[in-house]
Amino acid sequence: MNNNIKAILLTMSASFFAVLMEALIRAAQYDSNVFTIGFLRFFFGLLIIFPYLVKNKFTTYKTKNIKFYIVRGLFNIPVMILGFGALVYIPFEQFKAMNFLSPIIVVLLSFLIFREKIFKYRILALIIGFFGTLLIIRPGYVEFNIGTIMVLISLLFWSFIIILSKYVSKDDSPITMVSYQYTLMTFFALPLAIYFWDMPSITSILYVFIGAISGTILHLSLGLAYKYADLSVTQPIWFSGLLFGSAIGYFYFSETPDVFTWLGGAVVFSSVLIITYNERSKKEEKNKNIMNSLD
């Protein structure tokens, strides 16, 4: 299995756990607020990895990218407030559909900042995925309410966070990236949580704890994926979250998707198949060339 295929599988896993985390965070906010739930999500995440930090005598924090982590943490605050907050204002399915605009932004930024190569089939996968997203949100159909605006602003910050994560992944391990994110976000979110504290129920606390586990798996998977492949390889895979989001929205939130959503989902998933097939073909061709050179 080559590195690009590994990155694709890791990103697919991250996509699923991202949807699961968002669904749990949305459910937890029914009897609390985004500041309280957002803080608890990162605090629980820090508790989950704390035994590992102690075992390794906190050497996980060794890095030369501390400035980038601080900037990433500061960018994460509006993502947390606006992204988590928007979950209670718009349908879950619509939330996931709008989030798929982020890969388009990220791939373009990766080209401008990192000068990554964007092969034709990757561009095709992005175009197909974006077209599928348009089938779901349909310009003129989605109402630009407060939730919609919150999502769009959070996407801009999130896209830069992905770029920063890709940059530090060259030097640091995924657990180092997660450790700094959870530590900084816990301290950055604490003052807001204290000021706006709204005690959640035991059920909501349980939701947030499971969401923190899901989020930890999400970020570790992403950290590994960034090490294995370019952003232009991994980002189209995020479109698969539409299928996961539609299923959770239907079975848990009783949000019935219409025919355009399912049609768009099929189109979006086809972009995943295109990029996976081409990466596998590239591996087979490379192996074939190696074998020929040995003959």
C-alpha atoms as a PDB file:
ATOM      1  CA  MET A   1       0.000   0.000   0.000  1.00  0.00           C
ATOM      2  CA  ASN A   2       1.606   3.281  -1.088  1.00  0.00           C
ATOM      3  CA  ASN A   3       1.543   6.475   0.946  1.00  0.00           C
ATOM      4  CA  ASN A   4      -1.246   8.123  -1.065  1.00  0.00           C
ATOM      5  CA  ILE A   5      -3.587   5.184  -0.509  1.00  0.00           C
ATOM      6  CA  LYS A   6      -2.758   5.244   3.218  1.00  0.00           C
ATOM      7  CA  ALA A   7      -3.568   8.958   3.279  1.00  0.00           C
ATOM      8  CA  ILE A   8      -6.879   8.352   1.517  1.00  0.00           C
ATOM      9  CA  LEU A   9      -7.937   5.665   4.013  1.00  0.00           C
ATOM     10  CA  LEU A  10      -6.856   7.792   6.976  1.00  0.00           C
ATOM     11  CA  THR A  11      -8.765  10.790   5.620  1.00  0.00           C
ATOM     12  CA  MET A  12     -11.855   8.639   5.099  1.00  0.00           C
ATOM     13  CA  SER A  13     -11.625   7.581   8.750  1.00  0.00           C
ATOM     14  CA  ALA A  14     -11.155  11.198   9.816  1.00  0.00           C
ATOM     15  CA  SER A  15     -14.190  12.199   7.763  1.00  0.00           C
ATOM     16  CA  PHE A  16     -16.401   9.677   9.559  1.00  0.00           C
ATOM     17  CA  PHE A  17     -15.236  10.612  13.045  1.00  0.00           C
ATOM     18  CA  ALA A  18     -15.591  14.309  12.210  1.00  0.00           C
ATOM     19  CA  VAL A  19     -19.271  13.739  11.393  1.00  0.00           C
ATOM     20  CA  LEU A  20     -19.755  11.660  14.544  1.00  0.00           C
ATOM     21  CA  MET A  21     -18.131  14.326  16.700  1.00  0.00           C
ATOM     22  CA  GLU A  22     -20.231  17.112  15.173  1.00  0.00           C
ATOM     23  CA  ALA A  23     -23.445  15.131  15.704  1.00  0.00           C
ATOM     24  CA  LEU A  24     -22.582  14.551  19.369  1.00  0.00           C
ATOM     25  CA  ILE A  25     -21.613  18.201  19.895  1.00  0.00           C
ATOM     26  CA  ARG A  26     -24.900  19.294  18.329  1.00  0.00           C
ATOM     27  CA  ALA A  27     -26.874  16.985  20.630  1.00  0.00           C
ATOM     28  CA  ALA A  28     -24.931  18.212  23.667  1.00  0.00           C
ATOM     29  CA  GLN A  29     -25.872  21.844  22.982  1.00  0.00           C
ATOM     30  CA  TYR A  30     -29.591  21.191  23.431  1.00  0.00           C
ATOM     31  CA  ASP A  31     -29.290  21.961  27.153  1.00  0.00           C
ATOM     32  CA  SER A  32     -26.129  24.090  27.247  1.00  0.00           C
ATOM     33  CA  ASN A  33     -24.226  26.592  25.062  1.00  0.00           C
ATOM     34  CA  VAL A  34     -21.355  26.497  22.586  1.00  0.00           C
ATOM     35  CA  PHE A  35     -18.837  28.084  24.982  1.00  0.00           C
ATOM     36  CA  THR A  36     -19.387  25.454  27.671  1.00  0.00           C
ATOM     37  CA  ILE A  37     -19.578  22.504  25.297  1.00  0.00           C
ATOM     38  CA  GLY A  38     -16.636  23.717  23.216  1.00  0.00           C
ATOM     39  CA  PHE A  39     -14.418  24.001  26.293  1.00  0.00           C
ATOM     40  CA  LEU A  40     -15.439  20.562  27.586  1.00  0.00           C
ATOM     41  CA  ARG A  41     -14.769  18.986  24.205  1.00  0.00           C
ATOM     42  CA  PHE A  42     -11.088  20.054  24.280  1.00  0.00           C
ATOM     43  CA  PHE A  43     -10.706  19.571  28.041  1.00  0.00           C
ATOM     44  CA  PHE A  44     -11.900  15.966  27.760  1.00  0.00           C
ATOM     45  CA  GLY A  45      -9.623  15.510  24.766  1.00  0.00           C
ATOM     46  CA  LEU A  46      -6.670  16.648  26.885  1.00  0.00           C
ATOM     47  CA  LEU A  47      -7.669  14.215  29.648  1.00  0.00           C
ATOM     48  CA  ILE A  48      -7.805  11.361  27.118  1.00  0.00           C
ATOM     49  CA  ILE A  49      -4.216  11.878  25.945  1.00  0.00           C
ATOM     50  CA  PHE A  50      -2.839  12.970  29.352  1.00  0.00           C
ATOM     51  CA  PRO A  51      -1.697   9.454  30.423  1.00  0.00           C
ATOM     52  CA  TYR A  52       0.345   9.252  27.223  1.00  0.00           C
ATOM     53  CA  LEU A  53       1.900  12.659  27.919  1.00  0.00           C
ATOM     54  CA  VAL A  54       2.868  11.592  31.436  1.00  0.00           C
ATOM     55  CA  LYS A  55       4.280   8.260  30.232  1.00  0.00           C
ATOM     56  CA  ASN A  56       6.527  10.104  27.789  1.00  0.00           C
ATOM     57  CA  LYS A  57       7.474  12.716  30.403  1.00  0.00           C
ATOM     58  CA  PHE A  58       5.875  15.458  28.290  1.00  0.00           C
ATOM     59  CA  THR A  59       8.559  15.139  25.597  1.00  0.00           C
ATOM     60  CA  THR A  60       5.643  15.229  23.154  1.00  0.00           C
ATOM     61  CA  TYR A  61       5.687  19.015  23.505  1.00  0.00           C
ATOM     62  CA  LYS A  62       9.172  19.323  22.012  1.00  0.00           C
ATOM     63  CA  THR A  63       8.847  21.340  18.814  1.00  0.00           C
ATOM     64  CA  LYS A  64      10.335  24.228  16.919  1.00  0.00           C
ATOM     65  CA  ASN A  65       6.907  25.305  15.652  1.00  0.00           C
ATOM     66  CA  ILE A  66       5.433  26.750  18.847  1.00  0.00           C
ATOM     67  CA  LYS A  67       4.528  30.043  17.118  1.00  0.00           C
ATOM     68  CA  PHE A  68       2.539  28.196  14.466  1.00  0.00           C
ATOM     69  CA  TYR A  69       0.688  26.207  17.137  1.00  0.00           C
ATOM     70  CA  ILE A  70      -0.279  29.391  18.958  1.00  0.00           C
ATOM     71  CA  VAL A  71      -1.611  30.912  15.735  1.00  0.00           C
ATOM     72  CA  ARG A  72      -3.464  27.687  14.958  1.00  0.00           C
ATOM     73  CA  GLY A  73      -4.959  27.705  18.453  1.00  0.00           C
ATOM     74  CA  LEU A  74      -6.137  31.293  18.069  1.00  0.00           C
ATOM     75  CA  PHE A  75      -7.714  30.437  14.697  1.00  0.00           C
ATOM     76  CA  ASN A  76      -9.416  27.463  16.346  1.00  0.00           C
ATOM     77  CA  ILE A  77     -11.403  29.684  18.721  1.00  0.00           C
ATOM     78  CA  PRO A  78     -13.640  31.227  15.994  1.00  0.00           C
ATOM     79  CA  VAL A  79     -13.866  27.805  14.327  1.00  0.00           C
ATOM     80  CA  MET A  80     -15.111  26.322  17.603  1.00  0.00           C
ATOM     81  CA  ILE A  81     -17.582  29.111  18.389  1.00  0.00           C
ATOM     82  CA  LEU A  82     -18.923  29.617  14.869  1.00  0.00           C
ATOM     83  CA  GLY A  83     -18.697  26.021  13.656  1.00  0.00           C
ATOM     84  CA  PHE A  84     -20.124  24.333  16.759  1.00  0.00           C
ATOM     85  CA  GLY A  85     -22.625  27.161  17.233  1.00  0.00           C
ATOM     86  CA  ALA A  86     -23.970  26.853  13.698  1.00  0.00           C
ATOM     87  CA  LEU A  87     -24.912  23.219  14.365  1.00  0.00           C
ATOM     88  CA  VAL A  88     -27.995  24.321  16.292  1.00  0.00           C
ATOM     89  CA  TYR A  89     -29.165  26.840  13.666  1.00  0.00           C
ATOM     90  CA  ILE A  90     -29.175  24.825  10.447  1.00  0.00           C
ATOM     91  CA  PRO A  91     -29.986  21.197   9.526  1.00  0.00           C
ATOM     92  CA  PHE A  92     -27.122  18.777  10.077  1.00  0.00           C
ATOM     93  CA  GLU A  93     -27.110  17.733   6.449  1.00  0.00           C
ATOM     94  CA  GLN A  94     -26.878  21.331   5.267  1.00  0.00           C
ATOM     95  CA  PHE A  95     -24.045  21.924   7.717  1.00  0.00           C
ATOM     96  CA  LYS A  96     -22.042  19.042   6.242  1.00  0.00           C
ATOM     97  CA  ALA A  97     -22.778  20.117   2.660  1.00  0.00           C
ATOM     98  CA  MET A  98     -21.485  23.624   3.300  1.00  0.00           C
ATOM     99  CA  ASN A  99     -18.363  22.304   4.993  1.00  0.00           C
ATOM    100  CA  PHE A 100     -17.394  20.617   1.745  1.00  0.00           C
ATOM    101  CA  LEU A 101     -16.470  24.026   0.369  1.00  0.00           C
ATOM    102  CA  SER A 102     -13.379  23.888   2.577  1.00  0.00           C
ATOM    103  CA  PRO A 103     -11.451  21.345   0.431  1.00  0.00           C
ATOM    104  CA  ILE A 104     -11.792  23.665  -2.551  1.00  0.00           C
ATOM    105  CA  ILE A 105     -10.272  26.526  -0.548  1.00  0.00           C
ATOM    106  CA  VAL A 106      -7.548  24.319   0.924  1.00  0.00           C
ATOM    107  CA  VAL A 107      -6.385  22.851  -2.384  1.00  0.00           C
ATOM    108  CA  LEU A 108      -6.161  26.328  -3.884  1.00  0.00           C
ATOM    109  CA  LEU A 109      -4.269  27.619  -0.849  1.00  0.00           C
ATOM    110  CA  SER A 110      -1.921  24.609  -0.928  1.00  0.00           C
ATOM    111  CA  PHE A 111      -1.095  25.455  -4.538  1.00  0.00           C
ATOM    112  CA  LEU A 112      -0.467  29.123  -3.729  1.00  0.00           C
ATOM    113  CA  ILE A 113       1.476  28.522  -0.490  1.00  0.00           C
ATOM    114  CA  PHE A 114       3.205  25.142  -0.948  1.00  0.00           C
ATOM    115  CA  ARG A 115       3.277  25.072  -4.747  1.00  0.00           C
ATOM    116  CA  GLU A 116       1.913  21.528  -4.624  1.00  0.00           C
ATOM    117  CA  LYS A 117       1.271  19.806  -7.927  1.00  0.00           C
ATOM    118  CA  ILE A 118      -2.409  19.517  -8.847  1.00  0.00           C
ATOM    119  CA  PHE A 119      -2.761  16.658 -11.300  1.00  0.00           C
ATOM    120  CA  LYS A 120      -5.614  16.598 -13.782  1.00  0.00           C
ATOM    121  CA  TYR A 121      -7.497  13.772 -12.068  1.00  0.00           C
ATOM    122  CA  ARG A 122      -7.280  15.568  -8.716  1.00  0.00           C
ATOM    123  CA  ILE A 123      -8.766  18.682 -10.307  1.00  0.00           C
ATOM    124  CA  LEU A 124     -11.473  16.503 -11.851  1.00  0.00           C
ATOM    125  CA  ALA A 125     -12.233  14.950  -8.445  1.00  0.00           C
ATOM    126  CA  LEU A 126     -12.553  18.407  -6.868  1.00  0.00           C
ATOM    127  CA  ILE A 127     -14.811  19.675  -9.647  1.00  0.00           C
ATOM    128  CA  ILE A 128     -17.072  16.626  -9.434  1.00  0.00           C
ATOM    129  CA  GLY A 129     -17.207  16.858  -5.644  1.00  0.00           C
ATOM    130  CA  PHE A 130     -18.019  20.550  -5.782  1.00  0.00           C
ATOM    131  CA  PHE A 131     -20.736  19.931  -8.388  1.00  0.00           C
ATOM    132  CA  GLY A 132     -22.254  17.307  -6.107  1.00  0.00           C
ATOM    133  CA  THR A 133     -22.255  19.803  -3.267  1.00  0.00           C
ATOM    134  CA  LEU A 134     -24.047  22.356  -5.459  1.00  0.00           C
ATOM    135  CA  LEU A 135     -26.753  19.767  -6.155  1.00  0.00           C
ATOM    136  CA  ILE A 136     -27.366  19.606  -2.429  1.00  0.00           C
ATOM    137  CA  ILE A 137     -27.225  23.242  -1.387  1.00  0.00           C
ATOM    138  CA  ARG A 138     -28.565  24.562  -4.746  1.00  0.00           C
ATOM    139  CA  PRO A 139     -27.741  28.290  -5.075  1.00  0.00           C
ATOM    140  CA  GLY A 140     -30.836  30.301  -4.277  1.00  0.00           C
ATOM    141  CA  TYR A 141     -32.288  27.462  -2.206  1.00  0.00           C
ATOM    142  CA  VAL A 142     -30.106  27.704   0.905  1.00  0.00           C
ATOM    143  CA  GLU A 143     -31.281  30.558   3.116  1.00  0.00           C
ATOM    144  CA  PHE A 144     -28.505  32.851   4.290  1.00  0.00           C
ATOM    145  CA  ASN A 145     -29.483  32.894   7.943  1.00  0.00           C
ATOM    146  CA  ILE A 146     -27.180  33.386  10.923  1.00  0.00           C
ATOM    147  CA  GLY A 147     -26.170  29.718  10.862  1.00  0.00           C
ATOM    148  CA  THR A 148     -25.146  29.871   7.210  1.00  0.00           C
ATOM    149  CA  ILE A 149     -23.004  32.961   7.793  1.00  0.00           C
ATOM    150  CA  MET A 150     -21.375  31.353  10.845  1.00  0.00           C
ATOM    151  CA  VAL A 151     -20.427  28.279   8.821  1.00  0.00           C
ATOM    152  CA  LEU A 152     -18.905  30.293   5.976  1.00  0.00           C
ATOM    153  CA  ILE A 153     -16.719  32.365   8.297  1.00  0.00           C
ATOM    154  CA  SER A 154     -15.600  29.293  10.243  1.00  0.00           C
ATOM    155  CA  LEU A 155     -14.641  27.588   6.965  1.00  0.00           C
ATOM    156  CA  LEU A 156     -12.196  30.361   6.141  1.00  0.00           C
ATOM    157  CA  PHE A 157     -10.438  29.973   9.492  1.00  0.00           C
ATOM    158  CA  TRP A 158     -10.555  26.166   9.250  1.00  0.00           C
ATOM    159  CA  SER A 159      -8.901  26.212   5.817  1.00  0.00           C
ATOM    160  CA  PHE A 160      -5.951  28.156   7.203  1.00  0.00           C
ATOM    161  CA  ILE A 161      -5.765  25.726  10.138  1.00  0.00           C
ATOM    162  CA  ILE A 162      -5.399  22.848   7.693  1.00  0.00           C
ATOM    163  CA  ILE A 163      -2.605  24.702   5.915  1.00  0.00           C
ATOM    164  CA  LEU A 164      -0.805  25.333   9.220  1.00  0.00           C
ATOM    165  CA  SER A 165      -1.289  21.691  10.229  1.00  0.00           C
ATOM    166  CA  LYS A 166       0.229  20.556   6.963  1.00  0.00           C
ATOM    167  CA  TYR A 167       3.221  22.812   7.553  1.00  0.00           C
ATOM    168  CA  VAL A 168       4.006  21.600  11.095  1.00  0.00           C
ATOM    169  CA  SER A 169       3.398  17.954  10.102  1.00  0.00           C
ATOM    170  CA  LYS A 170       6.768  17.998   8.318  1.00  0.00           C
ATOM    171  CA  ASP A 171       8.554  18.239  11.670  1.00  0.00           C
ATOM    172  CA  ASP A 172       6.109  17.030  14.313  1.00  0.00           C
ATOM    173  CA  SER A 173       4.222  13.800  14.962  1.00  0.00           C
ATOM    174  CA  PRO A 174       0.405  13.654  14.965  1.00  0.00           C
ATOM    175  CA  ILE A 175       0.353  13.249  18.756  1.00  0.00           C
ATOM    176  CA  THR A 176       2.433  16.424  19.148  1.00  0.00           C
ATOM    177  CA  MET A 177      -0.011  18.296  16.934  1.00  0.00           C
ATOM    178  CA  VAL A 178      -2.990  17.007  18.909  1.00  0.00           C
ATOM    179  CA  SER A 179      -1.287  17.707  22.262  1.00  0.00           C
ATOM    180  CA  TYR A 180      -0.722  21.350  21.415  1.00  0.00           C
ATOM    181  CA  GLN A 181      -4.199  21.762  19.978  1.00  0.00           C
ATOM    182  CA  TYR A 182      -5.927  20.320  23.044  1.00  0.00           C
ATOM    183  CA  THR A 183      -3.691  22.127  25.530  1.00  0.00           C
ATOM    184  CA  LEU A 184      -3.918  25.538  23.895  1.00  0.00           C
ATOM    185  CA  MET A 185      -7.632  25.253  23.140  1.00  0.00           C
ATOM    186  CA  THR A 186      -8.384  24.236  26.726  1.00  0.00           C
ATOM    187  CA  PHE A 187      -6.660  27.356  28.057  1.00  0.00           C
ATOM    188  CA  PHE A 188      -7.915  29.682  25.306  1.00  0.00           C
ATOM    189  CA  ALA A 189     -11.526  28.514  25.735  1.00  0.00           C
ATOM    190  CA  LEU A 190     -11.480  28.486  29.557  1.00  0.00           C
ATOM    191  CA  PRO A 191     -12.179  32.237  30.096  1.00  0.00           C
ATOM    192  CA  LEU A 192     -15.136  32.099  27.685  1.00  0.00           C
ATOM    193  CA  ALA A 193     -16.471  28.968  29.374  1.00  0.00           C
ATOM    194  CA  ILE A 194     -16.250  30.559  32.826  1.00  0.00           C
ATOM    195  CA  TYR A 195     -18.018  33.721  31.686  1.00  0.00           C
ATOM    196  CA  PHE A 196     -20.803  31.942  29.756  1.00  0.00           C
ATOM    197  CA  TRP A 197     -20.958  28.766  31.860  1.00  0.00           C
ATOM    198  CA  ASP A 198     -24.213  26.829  31.480  1.00  0.00           C
ATOM    199  CA  MET A 199     -24.134  23.503  33.340  1.00  0.00           C
ATOM    200  CA  PRO A 200     -24.961  20.669  30.910  1.00  0.00           C
ATOM    201  CA  SER A 201     -26.815  17.501  31.864  1.00  0.00           C
ATOM    202  CA  ILE A 202     -25.046  14.199  32.516  1.00  0.00           C
ATOM    203  CA  THR A 203     -26.256  12.988  29.122  1.00  0.00           C
ATOM    204  CA  SER A 204     -24.751  15.997  27.373  1.00  0.00           C
ATOM    205  CA  ILE A 205     -21.475  15.555  29.231  1.00  0.00           C
ATOM    206  CA  LEU A 206     -21.400  11.935  28.041  1.00  0.00           C
ATOM    207  CA  TYR A 207     -22.050  13.115  24.472  1.00  0.00           C
ATOM    208  CA  VAL A 208     -19.154  15.561  24.692  1.00  0.00           C
ATOM    209  CA  PHE A 209     -16.824  12.917  26.131  1.00  0.00           C
ATOM    210  CA  ILE A 210     -17.579  10.489  23.294  1.00  0.00           C
ATOM    211  CA  GLY A 211     -17.251  13.423  20.907  1.00  0.00           C
ATOM    212  CA  ALA A 212     -13.800  14.139  22.355  1.00  0.00           C
ATOM    213  CA  ILE A 213     -12.766  10.538  21.688  1.00  0.00           C
ATOM    214  CA  SER A 214     -14.050  10.840  18.119  1.00  0.00           C
ATOM    215  CA  GLY A 215     -12.264  14.155  17.697  1.00  0.00           C
ATOM    216  CA  THR A 216      -9.003  12.643  18.946  1.00  0.00           C
ATOM    217  CA  ILE A 217      -9.215   9.844  16.382  1.00  0.00           C
ATOM    218  CA  LEU A 218     -10.081  12.469  13.765  1.00  0.00           C
ATOM    219  CA  HIS A 219      -7.011  14.621  14.438  1.00  0.00           C
ATOM    220  CA  LEU A 220      -4.581  11.717  14.789  1.00  0.00           C
ATOM    221  CA  SER A 221      -5.819  10.298  11.476  1.00  0.00           C
ATOM    222  CA  LEU A 222      -5.455  13.677   9.800  1.00  0.00           C
ATOM    223  CA  GLY A 223      -1.978  14.182  11.235  1.00  0.00           C
ATOM    224  CA  LEU A 224      -0.826  10.884   9.726  1.00  0.00           C
ATOM    225  CA  ALA A 225      -2.565  11.615   6.427  1.00  0.00           C
ATOM    226  CA  TYR A 226      -0.722  14.945   6.146  1.00  0.00           C
ATOM    227  CA  LYS A 227       2.588  13.095   6.477  1.00  0.00           C
ATOM    228  CA  TYR A 228       1.733  10.575   3.763  1.00  0.00           C
ATOM    229  CA  ALA A 229       0.386  12.783   0.975  1.00  0.00           C
ATOM    230  CA  ASP A 230      -0.251  16.262  -0.434  1.00  0.00           C
ATOM    231  CA  LEU A 231      -3.326  18.207   0.585  1.00  0.00           C
ATOM    232  CA  SER A 232      -4.599  18.001  -2.980  1.00  0.00           C
ATOM    233  CA  VAL A 233      -4.762  14.200  -2.513  1.00  0.00           C
ATOM    234  CA  THR A 234      -6.515  14.135   0.859  1.00  0.00           C
ATOM    235  CA  GLN A 235      -8.963  17.015   0.575  1.00  0.00           C
ATOM    236  CA  PRO A 236     -11.336  15.513  -2.030  1.00  0.00           C
ATOM    237  CA  ILE A 237     -11.860  12.578   0.358  1.00  0.00           C
ATOM    238  CA  TRP A 238     -13.617  14.912   2.789  1.00  0.00           C
ATOM    239  CA  PHE A 239     -16.572  14.871   0.422  1.00  0.00           C
ATOM    240  CA  SER A 240     -17.333  11.343   1.701  1.00  0.00           C
ATOM    241  CA  GLY A 241     -18.538  12.964   4.931  1.00  0.00           C
ATOM    242  CA  LEU A 242     -21.731  13.845   3.101  1.00  0.00           C
ATOM    243  CA  LEU A 243     -22.803  10.207   3.097  1.00  0.00           C
ATOM    244  CA  PHE A 244     -21.966   9.821   6.777  1.00  0.00           C
ATOM    245  CA  GLY A 245     -23.746  13.087   7.600  1.00  0.00           C
ATOM    246  CA  SER A 246     -26.877  12.153   5.676  1.00  0.00           C
ATOM    247  CA  ALA A 247     -27.094   8.810   7.480  1.00  0.00           C
ATOM    248  CA  ILE A 248     -26.680  10.342  10.960  1.00  0.00           C
ATOM    249  CA  GLY A 249     -29.054  13.185  10.114  1.00  0.00           C
ATOM    250  CA  TYR A 250     -31.704  10.691   9.023  1.00  0.00           C
ATOM    251  CA  PHE A 251     -31.401   8.079  11.769  1.00  0.00           C
ATOM    252  CA  TYR A 252     -30.618  10.330  14.746  1.00  0.00           C
ATOM    253  CA  PHE A 253     -31.995  13.803  13.980  1.00  0.00           C
ATOM    254  CA  SER A 254     -34.956  12.601  11.856  1.00  0.00           C
ATOM    255  CA  GLU A 255     -33.928  14.876   8.985  1.00  0.00           C
ATOM    256  CA  THR A 256     -35.114  13.295   5.762  1.00  0.00           C
ATOM    257  CA  PRO A 257     -32.860  14.077   2.772  1.00  0.00           C
ATOM    258  CA  ASP A 258     -34.498  14.817  -0.557  1.00  0.00           C
ATOM    259  CA  VAL A 259     -33.643  13.307  -3.921  1.00  0.00           C
ATOM    260  CA  PHE A 260     -31.149  16.082  -4.701  1.00  0.00           C
ATOM    261  CA  THR A 261     -29.219  15.301  -1.533  1.00  0.00           C
ATOM    262  CA  TRP A 262     -28.887  11.623  -2.387  1.00  0.00           C
ATOM    263  CA  LEU A 263     -28.064  12.432  -6.012  1.00  0.00           C
ATOM    264  CA  GLY A 264     -25.460  14.924  -4.887  1.00  0.00           C
ATOM    265  CA  GLY A 265     -24.101  12.348  -2.443  1.00  0.00           C
ATOM    266  CA  ALA A 266     -23.606   9.840  -5.254  1.00  0.00           C
ATOM    267  CA  VAL A 267     -21.799  12.457  -7.350  1.00  0.00           C
ATOM    268  CA  VAL A 268     -19.632  13.470  -4.398  1.00  0.00           C
ATOM    269  CA  PHE A 269     -18.665   9.892  -3.632  1.00  0.00           C
ATOM    270  CA  SER A 270     -17.699   9.373  -7.264  1.00  0.00           C
ATOM    271  CA  SER A 271     -14.952  11.947  -6.733  1.00  0.00           C
ATOM    272  CA  VAL A 272     -13.559   9.719  -3.982  1.00  0.00           C
ATOM    273  CA  LEU A 273     -13.602   6.710  -6.322  1.00  0.00           C
ATOM    274  CA  ILE A 274     -11.830   8.653  -9.080  1.00  0.00           C
ATOM    275  CA  ILE A 275      -8.947   9.779  -6.919  1.00  0.00           C
ATOM    276  CA  THR A 276      -8.590   6.378  -5.223  1.00  0.00           C
ATOM    277  CA  TYR A 277      -8.551   4.536  -8.562  1.00  0.00           C
ATOM    278  CA  ASN A 278      -5.959   6.865 -10.049  1.00  0.00           C
ATOM    279  CA  GLU A 279      -3.679   6.670  -7.001  1.00  0.00           C
ATOM    280  CA  ARG A 280      -3.839   2.878  -7.143  1.00  0.00           C
ATOM    281  CA  SER A 281      -3.126   2.928 -10.887  1.00  0.00           C
ATOM    282  CA  LYS A 282      -0.103   5.139 -10.305  1.00  0.00           C
ATOM    283  CA  LYS A 283       1.227   2.633  -7.769  1.00  0.00           C
ATOM    284  CA  GLU A 284       0.726  -0.296 -10.144  1.00  0.00           C
ATOM    285  CA  GLU A 285       2.429   1.584 -12.973  1.00  0.00           C
ATOM    286  CA  LYS A 286       5.349   2.480 -10.711  1.00  0.00           C
ATOM    287  CA  ASN A 287       5.751  -1.129  -9.599  1.00  0.00           C
ATOM    288  CA  LYS A 288       5.561  -2.289 -13.208  1.00  0.00           C
ATOM    289  CA  ASN A 289       8.315   0.134 -14.208  1.00  0.00           C
ATOM    290  CA  ILE A 290      10.496  -1.117 -11.364  1.00  0.00           C
ATOM    291  CA  MET A 291       9.996  -4.712 -12.445  1.00  0.00           C
ATOM    292  CA  ASN A 292      10.809  -3.842 -16.045  1.00  0.00           C
ATOM    293  CA  SER A 293      14.006  -2.119 -14.995  1.00  0.00           C
ATOM    294  CA  LEU A 294      15.079  -5.293 -13.200  1.00  0.00           C
ATOM    295  CA  ASP A 295      14.538  -7.492 -16.257  1.00  0.00           C
END
